[in-house]
Each structure stands twice: as C-alpha cells, then as structure tokens.
C-alpha cells in the first residue's frame, strides 16, 4: 500500500502490482474529525479481486488512527457495485441529491461511516 499527500492535503492511497502499476486508488480529503472520499478507481483488469476493498480498508484504518469520527462519500445511484462495496464496509446512506450529476442526469447517493473507534 502506498500513501501520498499532495500540497493541498489530499491523501492518495494506492495498491500496485510488482512492477509499480497502480491497480486501485482512493483520494481522500482529511480534516480533524471528518474525512471525505473523493474518488475510488480500479483498473478494469483488476476489478473484483479485492483491491478497492483493501484500499478503502486502509483509508478507514488511517482515519481511525487519526481519531476521525466520520468518513463521507457520494456515488452515482446507478453504481450498484460501489454502493454494495461501501455498504459492506459499514457505510450507510444518509441523503440522496436529486439530479446531482449531468450527462446523464442522475441522483447522487451520499453515504457516511461513523463510529470509527
């Protein structure tokens, strides 16, 4: 697992193969008590192999270590695979933003994970 922080404070968690090719990554904006997941991506040939679970698990562990109280994210309503993964990892839906996305128009499902420690 590789972790990098950019000049704006965004953390990047990534899982790579032996050659250093990024298989899955997650970008997160941490604050003192709340973290927000911006992006989670896995390359097509590495999907369904547990890499996103591993990367998000590391985000959760890091948030716990820093004593964060919540982790937030949002996802397209049609992305049922991601919603299932987030639910499996303890995230719950707290809000639906109607027509939040465009091209195509779609709702955003807002999720949160609480009680990290």
PDB file of N, CA and C in Angstrom:
ATOM      1  N   UNK A   1       0.853  -1.177   0.000  1.00  0.00           N
ATOM      2  CA  UNK A   1       0.000   0.000   0.000  1.00  0.00           C
ATOM      3  C   UNK A   1       0.894   1.233   0.000  1.00  0.00           C
ATOM      4  N   UNK A   2       0.612   2.138  -0.900  1.00  0.00           N
ATOM      5  CA  UNK A   2       1.344   3.391  -0.997  1.00  0.00           C
ATOM      6  C   UNK A   2       0.417   4.520  -0.559  1.00  0.00           C
ATOM      7  N   UNK A   3       0.937   5.456   0.218  1.00  0.00           N
ATOM      8  CA  UNK A   3       0.154   6.616   0.640  1.00  0.00           C
ATOM      9  C   UNK A   3       0.976   7.863   0.332  1.00  0.00           C
ATOM     10  N   UNK A   4       0.324   8.810  -0.316  1.00  0.00           N
ATOM     11  CA  UNK A   4       0.972  10.054  -0.719  1.00  0.00           C
ATOM     12  C   UNK A   4       0.038  11.201  -0.372  1.00  0.00           C
ATOM     13  N   UNK A   5       0.590  12.324   0.101  1.00  0.00           N
ATOM     14  CA  UNK A   5      -0.216  13.519   0.370  1.00  0.00           C
ATOM     15  C   UNK A   5       0.274  14.649  -0.511  1.00  0.00           C
ATOM     16  N   UNK A   6      -0.664  15.294  -1.227  1.00  0.00           N
ATOM     17  CA  UNK A   6      -0.266  16.396  -2.102  1.00  0.00           C
ATOM     18  C   UNK A   6      -0.204  17.710  -1.322  1.00  0.00           C
ATOM     19  N   UNK A   7       0.154  18.778  -2.019  1.00  0.00           N
ATOM     20  CA  UNK A   7       0.343  20.088  -1.374  1.00  0.00           C
ATOM     21  C   UNK A   7      -0.954  20.685  -0.837  1.00  0.00           C
ATOM     22  N   UNK A   8      -2.105  20.191  -1.284  1.00  0.00           N
ATOM     23  CA  UNK A   8      -3.396  20.681  -0.791  1.00  0.00           C
ATOM     24  C   UNK A   8      -3.924  19.831   0.364  1.00  0.00           C
ATOM     25  N   UNK A   9      -3.162  18.827   0.770  1.00  0.00           N
ATOM     26  CA  UNK A   9      -3.567  17.987   1.885  1.00  0.00           C
ATOM     27  C   UNK A   9      -4.389  16.769   1.511  1.00  0.00           C
ATOM     28  N   UNK A  10      -4.587  16.533   0.212  1.00  0.00           N
ATOM     29  CA  UNK A  10      -5.344  15.365  -0.232  1.00  0.00           C
ATOM     30  C   UNK A  10      -4.444  14.140  -0.126  1.00  0.00           C
ATOM     31  N   UNK A  11      -4.983  13.082   0.487  1.00  0.00           N
ATOM     32  CA  UNK A  11      -4.258  11.822   0.607  1.00  0.00           C
ATOM     33  C   UNK A  11      -4.635  10.901  -0.544  1.00  0.00           C
ATOM     34  N   UNK A  12      -3.640  10.201  -1.081  1.00  0.00           N
ATOM     35  CA  UNK A  12      -3.851   9.220  -2.141  1.00  0.00           C
ATOM     36  C   UNK A  12      -3.361   7.870  -1.636  1.00  0.00           C
ATOM     37  N   UNK A  13      -4.272   6.917  -1.566  1.00  0.00           N
ATOM     38  CA  UNK A  13      -3.955   5.549  -1.170  1.00  0.00           C
ATOM     39  C   UNK A  13      -3.968   4.719  -2.444  1.00  0.00           C
ATOM     40  N   UNK A  14      -2.941   3.915  -2.682  1.00  0.00           N
ATOM     41  CA  UNK A  14      -2.935   3.112  -3.901  1.00  0.00           C
ATOM     42  C   UNK A  14      -2.353   1.733  -3.646  1.00  0.00           C
ATOM     43  N   UNK A  15      -2.857   0.789  -4.408  1.00  0.00           N
ATOM     44  CA  UNK A  15      -2.353  -0.576  -4.419  1.00  0.00           C
ATOM     45  C   UNK A  15      -1.750  -0.801  -5.788  1.00  0.00           C
ATOM     46  N   UNK A  16      -0.536  -1.314  -5.824  1.00  0.00           N
ATOM     47  CA  UNK A  16       0.171  -1.510  -7.083  1.00  0.00           C
ATOM     48  C   UNK A  16       0.565  -2.977  -7.256  1.00  0.00           C
ATOM     49  N   UNK A  17       0.900  -3.329  -8.486  1.00  0.00           N
ATOM     50  CA  UNK A  17       1.431  -4.667  -8.733  1.00  0.00           C
ATOM     51  C   UNK A  17       2.945  -4.637  -8.563  1.00  0.00           C
ATOM     52  N   UNK A  18       3.600  -5.755  -8.850  1.00  0.00           N
ATOM     53  CA  UNK A  18       5.057  -5.874  -8.651  1.00  0.00           C
ATOM     54  C   UNK A  18       5.847  -4.867  -9.476  1.00  0.00           C
ATOM     55  N   UNK A  19       5.300  -4.460 -10.625  1.00  0.00           N
ATOM     56  CA  UNK A  19       6.018  -3.523 -11.492  1.00  0.00           C
ATOM     57  C   UNK A  19       5.767  -2.063 -11.125  1.00  0.00           C
ATOM     58  N   UNK A  20       4.870  -1.824 -10.153  1.00  0.00           N
ATOM     59  CA  UNK A  20       4.553  -0.460  -9.752  1.00  0.00           C
ATOM     60  C   UNK A  20       3.323   0.117 -10.420  1.00  0.00           C
ATOM     61  N   UNK A  21       2.669  -0.666 -11.277  1.00  0.00           N
ATOM     62  CA  UNK A  21       1.450  -0.210 -11.947  1.00  0.00           C
ATOM     63  C   UNK A  21       0.318  -0.098 -10.923  1.00  0.00           C
ATOM     64  N   UNK A  22      -0.366   1.050 -10.917  1.00  0.00           N
ATOM     65  CA  UNK A  22      -1.468   1.264  -9.979  1.00  0.00           C
ATOM     66  C   UNK A  22      -2.663   0.420 -10.407  1.00  0.00           C
ATOM     67  N   UNK A  23      -3.139  -0.410  -9.481  1.00  0.00           N
ATOM     68  CA  UNK A  23      -4.297  -1.258  -9.728  1.00  0.00           C
ATOM     69  C   UNK A  23      -5.575  -0.614  -9.213  1.00  0.00           C
ATOM     70  N   UNK A  24      -5.469   0.039  -8.063  1.00  0.00           N
ATOM     71  CA  UNK A  24      -6.620   0.683  -7.437  1.00  0.00           C
ATOM     72  C   UNK A  24      -6.122   1.838  -6.587  1.00  0.00           C
ATOM     73  N   UNK A  25      -6.925   2.915  -6.525  1.00  0.00           N
ATOM     74  CA  UNK A  25      -6.540   4.045  -5.678  1.00  0.00           C
ATOM     75  C   UNK A  25      -7.779   4.708  -5.102  1.00  0.00           C
ATOM     76  N   UNK A  26      -7.544   5.490  -4.064  1.00  0.00           N
ATOM     77  CA  UNK A  26      -8.599   6.264  -3.422  1.00  0.00           C
ATOM     78  C   UNK A  26      -7.992   7.599  -3.021  1.00  0.00           C
ATOM     79  N   UNK A  27      -8.692   8.698  -3.337  1.00  0.00           N
ATOM     80  CA  UNK A  27      -8.247  10.018  -2.888  1.00  0.00           C
ATOM     81  C   UNK A  27      -9.203  10.496  -1.805  1.00  0.00           C
ATOM     82  N   UNK A  28      -8.619  11.097  -0.780  1.00  0.00           N
ATOM     83  CA  UNK A  28      -9.367  11.461   0.426  1.00  0.00           C
ATOM     84  C   UNK A  28      -8.913  12.819   0.927  1.00  0.00           C
ATOM     85  N   UNK A  29      -9.863  13.635   1.347  1.00  0.00           N
ATOM     86  CA  UNK A  29      -9.537  14.908   1.990  1.00  0.00           C
ATOM     87  C   UNK A  29      -9.769  14.734   3.491  1.00  0.00           C
ATOM     88  N   UNK A  30      -8.699  14.678   4.277  1.00  0.00           N
ATOM     89  CA  UNK A  30      -8.866  14.546   5.724  1.00  0.00           C
ATOM     90  C   UNK A  30      -8.959  15.906   6.420  1.00  0.00           C
ATOM     91  N   UNK A  31      -9.795  15.971   7.426  1.00  0.00           N
ATOM     92  CA  UNK A  31      -9.793  17.097   8.358  1.00  0.00           C
ATOM     93  C   UNK A  31      -9.639  16.486   9.749  1.00  0.00           C
ATOM     94  N   UNK A  32      -9.719  17.295  10.770  1.00  0.00           N
ATOM     95  CA  UNK A  32      -9.502  16.769  12.112  1.00  0.00           C
ATOM     96  C   UNK A  32     -10.457  15.635  12.468  1.00  0.00           C
ATOM     97  N   UNK A  33     -11.750  15.800  12.189  1.00  0.00           N
ATOM     98  CA  UNK A  33     -12.729  14.825  12.656  1.00  0.00           C
ATOM     99  C   UNK A  33     -13.550  14.181  11.552  1.00  0.00           C
ATOM    100  N   UNK A  34     -13.488  14.713  10.344  1.00  0.00           N
ATOM    101  CA  UNK A  34     -14.269  14.166   9.238  1.00  0.00           C
ATOM    102  C   UNK A  34     -13.383  14.045   8.003  1.00  0.00           C
ATOM    103  N   UNK A  35     -13.472  12.905   7.347  1.00  0.00           N
ATOM    104  CA  UNK A  35     -12.741  12.685   6.108  1.00  0.00           C
ATOM    105  C   UNK A  35     -13.746  12.566   4.983  1.00  0.00           C
ATOM    106  N   UNK A  36     -13.364  12.984   3.775  1.00  0.00           N
ATOM    107  CA  UNK A  36     -14.243  12.839   2.621  1.00  0.00           C
ATOM    108  C   UNK A  36     -13.510  12.104   1.511  1.00  0.00           C
ATOM    109  N   UNK A  37     -14.085  10.993   1.069  1.00  0.00           N
ATOM    110  CA  UNK A  37     -13.540  10.258  -0.058  1.00  0.00           C
ATOM    111  C   UNK A  37     -13.976  10.970  -1.334  1.00  0.00           C
ATOM    112  N   UNK A  38     -12.991  11.337  -2.163  1.00  0.00           N
ATOM    113  CA  UNK A  38     -13.281  11.995  -3.430  1.00  0.00           C
ATOM    114  C   UNK A  38     -13.475  10.984  -4.555  1.00  0.00           C
ATOM    115  N   UNK A  39     -12.522  10.091  -4.718  1.00  0.00           N
ATOM    116  CA  UNK A  39     -12.540   9.141  -5.831  1.00  0.00           C
ATOM    117  C   UNK A  39     -12.059   7.770  -5.367  1.00  0.00           C
ATOM    118  N   UNK A  40     -12.645   6.745  -5.962  1.00  0.00           N
ATOM    119  CA  UNK A  40     -12.162   5.376  -5.829  1.00  0.00           C
ATOM    120  C   UNK A  40     -12.168   4.806  -7.237  1.00  0.00           C
ATOM    121  N   UNK A  41     -11.041   4.287  -7.667  1.00  0.00           N
ATOM    122  CA  UNK A  41     -10.933   3.723  -9.019  1.00  0.00           C
ATOM    123  C   UNK A  41     -10.126   2.434  -8.967  1.00  0.00           C
ATOM    124  N   UNK A  42     -10.516   1.493  -9.806  1.00  0.00           N
ATOM    125  CA  UNK A  42      -9.764   0.263 -10.016  1.00  0.00           C
ATOM    126  C   UNK A  42      -9.703   0.033 -11.519  1.00  0.00           C
ATOM    127  N   UNK A  43      -8.518  -0.300 -12.019  1.00  0.00           N
ATOM    128  CA  UNK A  43      -8.410  -0.536 -13.456  1.00  0.00           C
ATOM    129  C   UNK A  43      -9.243  -1.772 -13.820  1.00  0.00           C
ATOM    130  N   UNK A  44      -9.805  -1.791 -15.025  1.00  0.00           N
ATOM    131  CA  UNK A  44     -10.729  -2.873 -15.394  1.00  0.00           C
ATOM    132  C   UNK A  44     -10.195  -4.286 -15.164  1.00  0.00           C
ATOM    133  N   UNK A  45      -8.943  -4.545 -15.510  1.00  0.00           N
ATOM    134  CA  UNK A  45      -8.422  -5.909 -15.373  1.00  0.00           C
ATOM    135  C   UNK A  45      -8.158  -6.320 -13.927  1.00  0.00           C
ATOM    136  N   UNK A  46      -8.254  -5.379 -12.989  1.00  0.00           N
ATOM    137  CA  UNK A  46      -8.034  -5.699 -11.575  1.00  0.00           C
ATOM    138  C   UNK A  46      -9.330  -5.695 -10.760  1.00  0.00           C
ATOM    139  N   UNK A  47     -10.455  -5.476 -11.406  1.00  0.00           N
ATOM    140  CA  UNK A  47     -11.730  -5.415 -10.692  1.00  0.00           C
ATOM    141  C   UNK A  47     -12.143  -6.788 -10.174  1.00  0.00           C
ATOM    142  N   UNK A  48     -12.922  -6.775  -9.108  1.00  0.00           N
ATOM    143  CA  UNK A  48     -13.451  -7.992  -8.472  1.00  0.00           C
ATOM    144  C   UNK A  48     -12.354  -8.881  -7.906  1.00  0.00           C
ATOM    145  N   UNK A  49     -11.255  -8.266  -7.494  1.00  0.00           N
ATOM    146  CA  UNK A  49     -10.154  -9.021  -6.892  1.00  0.00           C
ATOM    147  C   UNK A  49      -9.806  -8.499  -5.498  1.00  0.00           C
ATOM    148  N   UNK A  50     -10.647  -7.600  -4.971  1.00  0.00           N
ATOM    149  CA  UNK A  50     -10.462  -7.120  -3.607  1.00  0.00           C
ATOM    150  C   UNK A  50      -9.569  -5.915  -3.438  1.00  0.00           C
ATOM    151  N   UNK A  51      -9.090  -5.342  -4.534  1.00  0.00           N
ATOM    152  CA  UNK A  51      -8.176  -4.205  -4.400  1.00  0.00           C
ATOM    153  C   UNK A  51      -8.865  -2.960  -3.846  1.00  0.00           C
ATOM    154  N   UNK A  52     -10.056  -2.636  -4.317  1.00  0.00           N
ATOM    155  CA  UNK A  52     -10.776  -1.467  -3.793  1.00  0.00           C
ATOM    156  C   UNK A  52     -11.109  -1.672  -2.321  1.00  0.00           C
ATOM    157  N   UNK A  53     -11.500  -2.887  -1.948  1.00  0.00           N
ATOM    158  CA  UNK A  53     -11.782  -3.186  -0.537  1.00  0.00           C
ATOM    159  C   UNK A  53     -10.540  -2.940   0.310  1.00  0.00           C
ATOM    160  N   UNK A  54      -9.403  -3.387  -0.188  1.00  0.00           N
ATOM    161  CA  UNK A  54      -8.141  -3.209   0.539  1.00  0.00           C
ATOM    162  C   UNK A  54      -7.795  -1.727   0.684  1.00  0.00           C
ATOM    163  N   UNK A  55      -7.928  -0.978  -0.400  1.00  0.00           N
ATOM    164  CA  UNK A  55      -7.581   0.451  -0.379  1.00  0.00           C
ATOM    165  C   UNK A  55      -8.517   1.218   0.567  1.00  0.00           C
ATOM    166  N   UNK A  56      -9.811   0.980   0.455  1.00  0.00           N
ATOM    167  CA  UNK A  56     -10.760   1.679   1.331  1.00  0.00           C
ATOM    168  C   UNK A  56     -10.571   1.234   2.778  1.00  0.00           C
ATOM    169  N   UNK A  57     -10.256  -0.030   2.983  1.00  0.00           N
ATOM    170  CA  UNK A  57      -9.947  -0.509   4.334  1.00  0.00           C
ATOM    171  C   UNK A  57      -8.777   0.243   4.943  1.00  0.00           C
ATOM    172  N   UNK A  58      -7.783   0.519   4.138  1.00  0.00           N
ATOM    173  CA  UNK A  58      -6.628   1.289   4.623  1.00  0.00           C
ATOM    174  C   UNK A  58      -7.024   2.731   4.940  1.00  0.00           C
ATOM    175  N   UNK A  59      -7.910   3.311   4.132  1.00  0.00           N
ATOM    176  CA  UNK A  59      -8.438   4.654   4.431  1.00  0.00           C
ATOM    177  C   UNK A  59      -9.138   4.637   5.784  1.00  0.00           C
ATOM    178  N   UNK A  60      -9.990   3.646   6.008  1.00  0.00           N
ATOM    179  CA  UNK A  60     -10.720   3.531   7.274  1.00  0.00           C
ATOM    180  C   UNK A  60      -9.739   3.385   8.438  1.00  0.00           C
ATOM    181  N   UNK A  61      -8.730   2.533   8.291  1.00  0.00           N
ATOM    182  CA  UNK A  61      -7.735   2.358   9.355  1.00  0.00           C
ATOM    183  C   UNK A  61      -6.979   3.646   9.639  1.00  0.00           C
ATOM    184  N   UNK A  62      -6.603   4.369   8.598  1.00  0.00           N
ATOM    185  CA  UNK A  62      -5.889   5.636   8.783  1.00  0.00           C
ATOM    186  C   UNK A  62      -6.768   6.669   9.474  1.00  0.00           C
ATOM    187  N   UNK A  63      -8.041   6.715   9.085  1.00  0.00           N
ATOM    188  CA  UNK A  63      -8.971   7.650   9.734  1.00  0.00           C
ATOM    189  C   UNK A  63      -9.115   7.312  11.219  1.00  0.00           C
ATOM    190  N   UNK A  64      -9.182   6.025  11.535  1.00  0.00           N
ATOM    191  CA  UNK A  64      -9.261   5.600  12.946  1.00  0.00           C
ATOM    192  C   UNK A  64      -8.025   6.057  13.709  1.00  0.00           C
ATOM    193  N   UNK A  65      -6.839   5.828  13.121  1.00  0.00           N
ATOM    194  CA  UNK A  65      -5.585   6.211  13.770  1.00  0.00           C
ATOM    195  C   UNK A  65      -5.528   7.703  14.054  1.00  0.00           C
ATOM    196  N   UNK A  66      -6.130   8.501  13.164  1.00  0.00           N
ATOM    197  CA  UNK A  66      -6.130   9.961  13.324  1.00  0.00           C
ATOM    198  C   UNK A  66      -7.315  10.447  14.157  1.00  0.00           C
ATOM    199  N   UNK A  67      -8.110   9.488  14.662  1.00  0.00           N
ATOM    200  CA  UNK A  67      -9.260   9.781  15.539  1.00  0.00           C
ATOM    201  C   UNK A  67     -10.371  10.535  14.813  1.00  0.00           C
ATOM    202  N   UNK A  68     -10.497  10.325  13.499  1.00  0.00           N
ATOM    203  CA  UNK A  68     -11.617  10.902  12.756  1.00  0.00           C
ATOM    204  C   UNK A  68     -12.909  10.257  13.239  1.00  0.00           C
ATOM    205  N   UNK A  69     -13.992  10.996  13.191  1.00  0.00           N
ATOM    206  CA  UNK A  69     -15.279  10.489  13.662  1.00  0.00           C
ATOM    207  C   UNK A  69     -16.163   9.989  12.528  1.00  0.00           C
ATOM    208  N   UNK A  70     -15.959  10.507  11.310  1.00  0.00           N
ATOM    209  CA  UNK A  70     -16.812  10.150  10.179  1.00  0.00           C
ATOM    210  C   UNK A  70     -16.006  10.157   8.890  1.00  0.00           C
ATOM    211  N   UNK A  71     -16.458   9.330   7.944  1.00  0.00           N
ATOM    212  CA  UNK A  71     -15.939   9.364   6.579  1.00  0.00           C
ATOM    213  C   UNK A  71     -17.149   9.484   5.658  1.00  0.00           C
ATOM    214  N   UNK A  72     -17.113  10.470   4.780  1.00  0.00           N
ATOM    215  CA  UNK A  72     -18.207  10.726   3.843  1.00  0.00           C
ATOM    216  C   UNK A  72     -17.792  10.357   2.420  1.00  0.00           C
ATOM    217  N   UNK A  73     -18.781  10.035   1.593  1.00  0.00           N
ATOM    218  CA  UNK A  73     -18.561   9.848   0.164  1.00  0.00           C
ATOM    219  C   UNK A  73     -19.886  10.015  -0.552  1.00  0.00           C
ATOM    220  N   UNK A  74     -19.819  10.166  -1.863  1.00  0.00           N
ATOM    221  CA  UNK A  74     -21.032  10.162  -2.681  1.00  0.00           C
ATOM    222  C   UNK A  74     -20.759   9.350  -3.927  1.00  0.00           C
ATOM    223  N   UNK A  75     -21.831   8.756  -4.440  1.00  0.00           N
ATOM    224  CA  UNK A  75     -21.697   7.836  -5.562  1.00  0.00           C
ATOM    225  C   UNK A  75     -22.939   7.949  -6.437  1.00  0.00           C
ATOM    226  N   UNK A  76     -22.761   7.715  -7.733  1.00  0.00           N
ATOM    227  CA  UNK A  76     -23.919   7.699  -8.637  1.00  0.00           C
ATOM    228  C   UNK A  76     -24.882   6.603  -8.212  1.00  0.00           C
ATOM    229  N   UNK A  77     -26.166   6.915  -8.244  1.00  0.00           N
ATOM    230  CA  UNK A  77     -27.196   5.977  -7.828  1.00  0.00           C
ATOM    231  C   UNK A  77     -27.167   4.673  -8.641  1.00  0.00           C
ATOM    232  N   UNK A  78     -26.741   4.747  -9.884  1.00  0.00           N
ATOM    233  CA  UNK A  78     -26.693   3.551 -10.736  1.00  0.00           C
ATOM    234  C   UNK A  78     -25.474   2.670 -10.469  1.00  0.00           C
ATOM    235  N   UNK A  79     -24.513   3.152  -9.693  1.00  0.00           N
ATOM    236  CA  UNK A  79     -23.288   2.392  -9.433  1.00  0.00           C
ATOM    237  C   UNK A  79     -23.526   1.417  -8.278  1.00  0.00           C
ATOM    238  N   UNK A  80     -24.322   0.396  -8.572  1.00  0.00           N
ATOM    239  CA  UNK A  80     -24.740  -0.560  -7.540  1.00  0.00           C
ATOM    240  C   UNK A  80     -23.576  -1.378  -6.995  1.00  0.00           C
ATOM    241  N   UNK A  81     -22.574  -1.651  -7.817  1.00  0.00           N
ATOM    242  CA  UNK A  81     -21.403  -2.394  -7.344  1.00  0.00           C
ATOM    243  C   UNK A  81     -20.695  -1.597  -6.252  1.00  0.00           C
ATOM    244  N   UNK A  82     -20.484  -0.302  -6.485  1.00  0.00           N
ATOM    245  CA  UNK A  82     -19.815   0.543  -5.496  1.00  0.00           C
ATOM    246  C   UNK A  82     -20.674   0.690  -4.241  1.00  0.00           C
ATOM    247  N   UNK A  83     -21.965   0.898  -4.405  1.00  0.00           N
ATOM    248  CA  UNK A  83     -22.860   1.037  -3.244  1.00  0.00           C
ATOM    249  C   UNK A  83     -22.818  -0.231  -2.402  1.00  0.00           C
ATOM    250  N   UNK A  84     -22.810  -1.388  -3.052  1.00  0.00           N
ATOM    251  CA  UNK A  84     -22.722  -2.657  -2.321  1.00  0.00           C
ATOM    252  C   UNK A  84     -21.407  -2.739  -1.547  1.00  0.00           C
ATOM    253  N   UNK A  85     -20.301  -2.370  -2.180  1.00  0.00           N
ATOM    254  CA  UNK A  85     -18.994  -2.391  -1.518  1.00  0.00           C
ATOM    255  C   UNK A  85     -18.985  -1.468  -0.309  1.00  0.00           C
ATOM    256  N   UNK A  86     -19.455  -0.239  -0.487  1.00  0.00           N
ATOM    257  CA  UNK A  86     -19.446   0.719   0.619  1.00  0.00           C
ATOM    258  C   UNK A  86     -20.332   0.239   1.768  1.00  0.00           C
ATOM    259  N   UNK A  87     -21.469  -0.335   1.440  1.00  0.00           N
ATOM    260  CA  UNK A  87     -22.362  -0.863   2.473  1.00  0.00           C
ATOM    261  C   UNK A  87     -21.675  -1.998   3.231  1.00  0.00           C
ATOM    262  N   UNK A  88     -21.001  -2.879   2.501  1.00  0.00           N
ATOM    263  CA  UNK A  88     -20.267  -3.992   3.108  1.00  0.00           C
ATOM    264  C   UNK A  88     -19.191  -3.481   4.070  1.00  0.00           C
ATOM    265  N   UNK A  89     -18.635  -2.316   3.766  1.00  0.00           N
ATOM    266  CA  UNK A  89     -17.580  -1.742   4.602  1.00  0.00           C
ATOM    267  C   UNK A  89     -18.133  -0.855   5.725  1.00  0.00           C
ATOM    268  N   UNK A  90     -19.458  -0.819   5.876  1.00  0.00           N
ATOM    269  CA  UNK A  90     -20.052  -0.114   7.006  1.00  0.00           C
ATOM    270  C   UNK A  90     -20.578   1.272   6.730  1.00  0.00           C
ATOM    271  N   UNK A  91     -20.605   1.678   5.468  1.00  0.00           N
ATOM    272  CA  UNK A  91     -21.171   2.981   5.125  1.00  0.00           C
ATOM    273  C   UNK A  91     -22.689   2.853   5.026  1.00  0.00           C
ATOM    274  N   UNK A  92     -23.384   3.920   5.404  1.00  0.00           N
ATOM    275  CA  UNK A  92     -24.841   3.941   5.294  1.00  0.00           C
ATOM    276  C   UNK A  92     -25.273   5.187   4.529  1.00  0.00           C
ATOM    277  N   UNK A  93     -26.394   5.053   3.831  1.00  0.00           N
ATOM    278  CA  UNK A  93     -26.939   6.173   3.058  1.00  0.00           C
ATOM    279  C   UNK A  93     -27.601   7.156   4.018  1.00  0.00           C
ATOM    280  N   UNK A  94     -27.327   8.445   3.830  1.00  0.00           N
ATOM    281  CA  UNK A  94     -27.975   9.452   4.658  1.00  0.00           C
ATOM    282  C   UNK A  94     -28.701  10.521   3.841  1.00  0.00           C
ATOM    283  N   UNK A  95     -28.466  10.560   2.511  1.00  0.00           N
ATOM    284  CA  UNK A  95     -29.077  11.602   1.697  1.00  0.00           C
ATOM    285  C   UNK A  95     -28.997  11.198   0.230  1.00  0.00           C
ATOM    286  N   UNK A  96     -30.022  11.573  -0.535  1.00  0.00           N
ATOM    287  CA  UNK A  96     -29.989  11.436  -1.994  1.00  0.00           C
ATOM    288  C   UNK A  96     -30.123  12.834  -2.577  1.00  0.00           C
ATOM    289  N   UNK A  97     -29.153  13.228  -3.391  1.00  0.00           N
ATOM    290  CA  UNK A  97     -29.203  14.523  -4.076  1.00  0.00           C
ATOM    291  C   UNK A  97     -29.822  14.290  -5.450  1.00  0.00           C
ATOM    292  N   UNK A  98     -31.005  14.809  -5.638  1.00  0.00           N
ATOM    293  CA  UNK A  98     -31.741  14.611  -6.887  1.00  0.00           C
ATOM    294  C   UNK A  98     -31.051  15.313  -8.046  1.00  0.00           C
ATOM    295  N   UNK A  99     -30.892  14.597  -9.145  1.00  0.00           N
ATOM    296  CA  UNK A  99     -30.321  15.133 -10.388  1.00  0.00           C
ATOM    297  C   UNK A  99     -28.990  15.859 -10.158  1.00  0.00           C
ATOM    298  N   UNK A 100     -28.175  15.343  -9.278  1.00  0.00           N
ATOM    299  CA  UNK A 100     -26.907  15.977  -8.936  1.00  0.00           C
ATOM    300  C   UNK A 100     -25.912  15.910 -10.093  1.00  0.00           C
ATOM    301  N   UNK A 101     -25.874  14.767 -10.764  1.00  0.00           N
ATOM    302  CA  UNK A 101     -24.956  14.583 -11.883  1.00  0.00           C
ATOM    303  C   UNK A 101     -25.638  14.963 -13.195  1.00  0.00           C
ATOM    304  N   UNK A 102     -24.820  15.351 -14.168  1.00  0.00           N
ATOM    305  CA  UNK A 102     -25.339  15.610 -15.510  1.00  0.00           C
ATOM    306  C   UNK A 102     -24.579  14.732 -16.492  1.00  0.00           C
ATOM    307  N   UNK A 103     -25.143  14.601 -17.685  1.00  0.00           N
ATOM    308  CA  UNK A 103     -24.518  13.818 -18.776  1.00  0.00           C
ATOM    309  C   UNK A 103     -24.197  12.389 -18.395  1.00  0.00           C
ATOM    310  N   UNK A 104     -25.117  11.552 -18.053  1.00  0.00           N
ATOM    311  CA  UNK A 104     -26.559  11.774 -17.979  1.00  0.00           C
ATOM    312  C   UNK A 104     -26.979  12.259 -16.596  1.00  0.00           C
ATOM    313  N   UNK A 105     -28.168  12.820 -16.550  1.00  0.00           N
ATOM    314  CA  UNK A 105     -28.717  13.290 -15.284  1.00  0.00           C
ATOM    315  C   UNK A 105     -28.944  12.091 -14.367  1.00  0.00           C
ATOM    316  N   UNK A 106     -28.478  12.227 -13.138  1.00  0.00           N
ATOM    317  CA  UNK A 106     -28.597  11.110 -12.204  1.00  0.00           C
ATOM    318  C   UNK A 106     -28.494  11.618 -10.770  1.00  0.00           C
ATOM    319  N   UNK A 107     -29.127  10.877  -9.869  1.00  0.00           N
ATOM    320  CA  UNK A 107     -29.057  11.192  -8.448  1.00  0.00           C
ATOM    321  C   UNK A 107     -27.707  10.778  -7.873  1.00  0.00           C
ATOM    322  N   UNK A 108     -27.305  11.472  -6.823  1.00  0.00           N
ATOM    323  CA  UNK A 108     -26.115  11.107  -6.056  1.00  0.00           C
ATOM    324  C   UNK A 108     -26.573  10.528  -4.729  1.00  0.00           C
ATOM    325  N   UNK A 109     -25.999   9.407  -4.356  1.00  0.00           N
ATOM    326  CA  UNK A 109     -26.262   8.805  -3.059  1.00  0.00           C
ATOM    327  C   UNK A 109     -25.119   9.215  -2.143  1.00  0.00           C
ATOM    328  N   UNK A 110     -25.439   9.895  -1.049  1.00  0.00           N
ATOM    329  CA  UNK A 110     -24.448  10.326  -0.071  1.00  0.00           C
ATOM    330  C   UNK A 110     -24.418   9.302   1.051  1.00  0.00           C
ATOM    331  N   UNK A 111     -23.204   8.868   1.410  1.00  0.00           N
ATOM    332  CA  UNK A 111     -23.043   7.824   2.413  1.00  0.00           C
ATOM    333  C   UNK A 111     -22.037   8.279   3.461  1.00  0.00           C
ATOM    334  N   UNK A 112     -22.154   7.687   4.657  1.00  0.00           N
ATOM    335  CA  UNK A 112     -21.253   8.026   5.746  1.00  0.00           C
ATOM    336  C   UNK A 112     -20.923   6.776   6.548  1.00  0.00           C
ATOM    337  N   UNK A 113     -19.711   6.754   7.068  1.00  0.00           N
ATOM    338  CA  UNK A 113     -19.310   5.712   8.009  1.00  0.00           C
ATOM    339  C   UNK A 113     -18.982   6.428   9.307  1.00  0.00           C
ATOM    340  N   UNK A 114     -19.637   6.016  10.374  1.00  0.00           N
ATOM    341  CA  UNK A 114     -19.417   6.632  11.685  1.00  0.00           C
ATOM    342  C   UNK A 114     -18.904   5.588  12.663  1.00  0.00           C
ATOM    343  N   UNK A 115     -18.696   5.998  13.887  1.00  0.00           N
ATOM    344  CA  UNK A 115     -18.213   5.104  14.951  1.00  0.00           C
ATOM    345  C   UNK A 115     -16.954   4.381  14.501  1.00  0.00           C
ATOM    346  N   UNK A 116     -15.958   5.150  14.119  1.00  0.00           N
ATOM    347  CA  UNK A 116     -14.717   4.561  13.609  1.00  0.00           C
ATOM    348  C   UNK A 116     -13.860   3.942  14.707  1.00  0.00           C
ATOM    349  N   UNK A 117     -14.034   4.402  15.939  1.00  0.00           N
ATOM    350  CA  UNK A 117     -13.232   3.832  17.033  1.00  0.00           C
ATOM    351  C   UNK A 117     -14.068   3.618  18.254  1.00  0.00           C
TER     352      UNK A 117
END
